[in-house]
């Protein structure tokens, strides 16, 4: 169980993003791709119908548009979380989790909208 000590809220959220990426990276990647209608990039033809439906719903576009409507504090929190995820991606040692190796892909950098699409 990770223990995050931080001097500021932004530092704590950064640490949370890092810890989540360390422990749940494949889940995070599949959830953001599901919200963006991009599962077929990983799973092929069987996921095309789901991707089509998600793109029609436009959840990722809504998540991106919501960023401009958030308070400065909330936006900074989402940016700190994304920075924590990306810090893990940049500094990790060893191989990616086996799911990435089996599907032959690497995660993309995390963006604030990636976190919001989970809440949509």
Protein backbone atom coordinates (compact mmCIF):
# COMPACT_ATOMS: atom_id res chain seq x y z
CA UNK A 1 0.00 0.00 0.00
CA UNK A 2 1.58 3.30 -1.06
CA UNK A 3 2.04 6.04 1.50
CA UNK A 4 2.08 9.52 0.03
CA UNK A 5 3.55 12.35 2.09
CA UNK A 6 3.25 15.81 0.62
CA UNK A 7 3.72 19.44 1.56
CA UNK A 8 0.95 20.66 -0.77
CA UNK A 9 -2.25 19.36 -2.32
CA UNK A 10 -0.60 19.44 -5.75
CA UNK A 11 2.27 17.30 -4.46
CA UNK A 12 -0.20 14.80 -2.98
CA UNK A 13 -2.14 14.53 -6.24
CA UNK A 14 1.13 14.16 -8.17
CA UNK A 15 2.03 11.27 -5.86
CA UNK A 16 -1.41 9.73 -6.36
CA UNK A 17 -1.00 9.87 -10.14
CA UNK A 18 2.41 8.24 -9.84
CA UNK A 19 1.08 5.50 -7.54
CA UNK A 20 -1.94 4.83 -9.76
CA UNK A 21 0.27 4.51 -12.84
CA UNK A 22 2.61 2.22 -10.96
CA UNK A 23 -0.19 -0.13 -9.93
CA UNK A 24 -3.02 0.32 -12.45
CA UNK A 25 -1.48 1.46 -15.71
CA UNK A 26 -3.22 -1.00 -18.02
CA UNK A 27 -6.62 -0.33 -16.45
CA UNK A 28 -6.03 3.41 -16.81
CA UNK A 29 -5.00 3.03 -20.45
CA UNK A 30 -8.01 0.90 -21.39
CA UNK A 31 -10.46 3.20 -19.57
CA UNK A 32 -9.21 6.33 -21.31
CA UNK A 33 -9.23 4.55 -24.67
CA UNK A 34 -12.77 3.33 -24.00
CA UNK A 35 -13.89 6.89 -23.25
CA UNK A 36 -12.18 8.18 -26.38
CA UNK A 37 -13.50 5.43 -28.65
CA UNK A 38 -10.03 3.98 -29.25
CA UNK A 39 -10.24 0.40 -28.00
CA UNK A 40 -10.00 -1.08 -31.49
CA UNK A 41 -6.42 0.19 -31.64
CA UNK A 42 -5.65 -2.44 -29.01
CA UNK A 43 -8.26 -5.14 -29.49
CA UNK A 44 -9.03 -4.94 -33.21
CA UNK A 45 -12.32 -5.53 -35.01
CA UNK A 46 -14.33 -6.78 -32.00
CA UNK A 47 -14.04 -3.33 -30.38
CA UNK A 48 -15.08 -1.24 -33.40
CA UNK A 49 -18.75 -1.17 -32.40
CA UNK A 50 -17.94 0.04 -28.89
CA UNK A 51 -15.59 2.68 -30.31
CA UNK A 52 -18.25 3.89 -32.72
CA UNK A 53 -20.78 4.22 -29.91
CA UNK A 54 -18.34 6.09 -27.66
CA UNK A 55 -17.40 8.49 -30.43
CA UNK A 56 -21.06 9.21 -31.15
CA UNK A 57 -21.59 9.92 -27.44
CA UNK A 58 -18.55 12.20 -27.56
CA UNK A 59 -17.49 11.63 -23.96
CA UNK A 60 -13.88 12.53 -24.64
CA UNK A 61 -14.87 15.75 -26.40
CA UNK A 62 -17.02 16.61 -23.37
CA UNK A 63 -14.11 15.88 -21.02
CA UNK A 64 -11.85 18.20 -23.03
CA UNK A 65 -14.51 20.93 -23.05
CA UNK A 66 -15.05 20.58 -19.29
CA UNK A 67 -11.44 21.51 -18.60
CA UNK A 68 -12.14 25.14 -19.50
CA UNK A 69 -15.10 25.21 -17.09
CA UNK A 70 -13.26 23.91 -14.03
CA UNK A 71 -11.93 26.05 -11.24
CA UNK A 72 -8.24 26.86 -11.34
CA UNK A 73 -7.67 24.64 -8.31
CA UNK A 74 -9.38 21.66 -9.94
CA UNK A 75 -7.47 22.16 -13.19
CA UNK A 76 -4.19 22.33 -11.28
CA UNK A 77 -5.10 19.11 -9.51
CA UNK A 78 -5.78 17.33 -12.80
CA UNK A 79 -2.52 18.67 -14.23
CA UNK A 80 -0.60 17.51 -11.15
CA UNK A 81 -2.18 14.05 -11.39
CA UNK A 82 -1.25 13.83 -15.10
CA UNK A 83 2.29 14.97 -14.27
CA UNK A 84 2.53 12.18 -11.69
CA UNK A 85 1.39 9.55 -14.19
CA UNK A 86 3.81 10.89 -16.78
CA UNK A 87 6.65 10.96 -14.23
CA UNK A 88 6.11 7.26 -13.64
CA UNK A 89 6.13 6.61 -17.40
CA UNK A 90 9.37 8.58 -17.79
CA UNK A 91 11.21 7.03 -14.85
CA UNK A 92 9.94 3.46 -14.62
CA UNK A 93 12.48 0.68 -14.62
CA UNK A 94 12.03 -2.66 -16.31
CA UNK A 95 9.35 -3.92 -18.64
CA UNK A 96 5.83 -2.62 -18.88
CA UNK A 97 3.07 -4.75 -17.37
CA UNK A 98 2.49 -7.98 -19.35
CA UNK A 99 -0.73 -6.71 -20.97
CA UNK A 100 1.26 -4.05 -22.81
CA UNK A 101 3.79 -6.60 -23.98
CA UNK A 102 1.13 -9.05 -25.17
CA UNK A 103 -0.73 -6.35 -27.10
CA UNK A 104 2.55 -4.79 -28.32
CA UNK A 105 1.89 -1.18 -27.43
CA UNK A 106 3.12 1.46 -25.02
CA UNK A 107 0.96 3.90 -23.08
CA UNK A 108 0.69 7.45 -24.31
CA UNK A 109 1.38 10.42 -22.03
CA UNK A 110 -1.50 11.14 -19.66
CA UNK A 111 -3.56 14.30 -20.10
CA UNK A 112 -5.99 15.99 -17.69
CA UNK A 113 -8.94 15.10 -19.96
CA UNK A 114 -7.99 11.42 -19.59
CA UNK A 115 -8.93 11.62 -15.91
CA UNK A 116 -12.18 13.48 -16.61
CA UNK A 117 -13.40 10.96 -19.17
CA UNK A 118 -13.65 8.39 -16.36
CA UNK A 119 -16.23 10.60 -14.62
CA UNK A 120 -18.35 11.15 -17.74
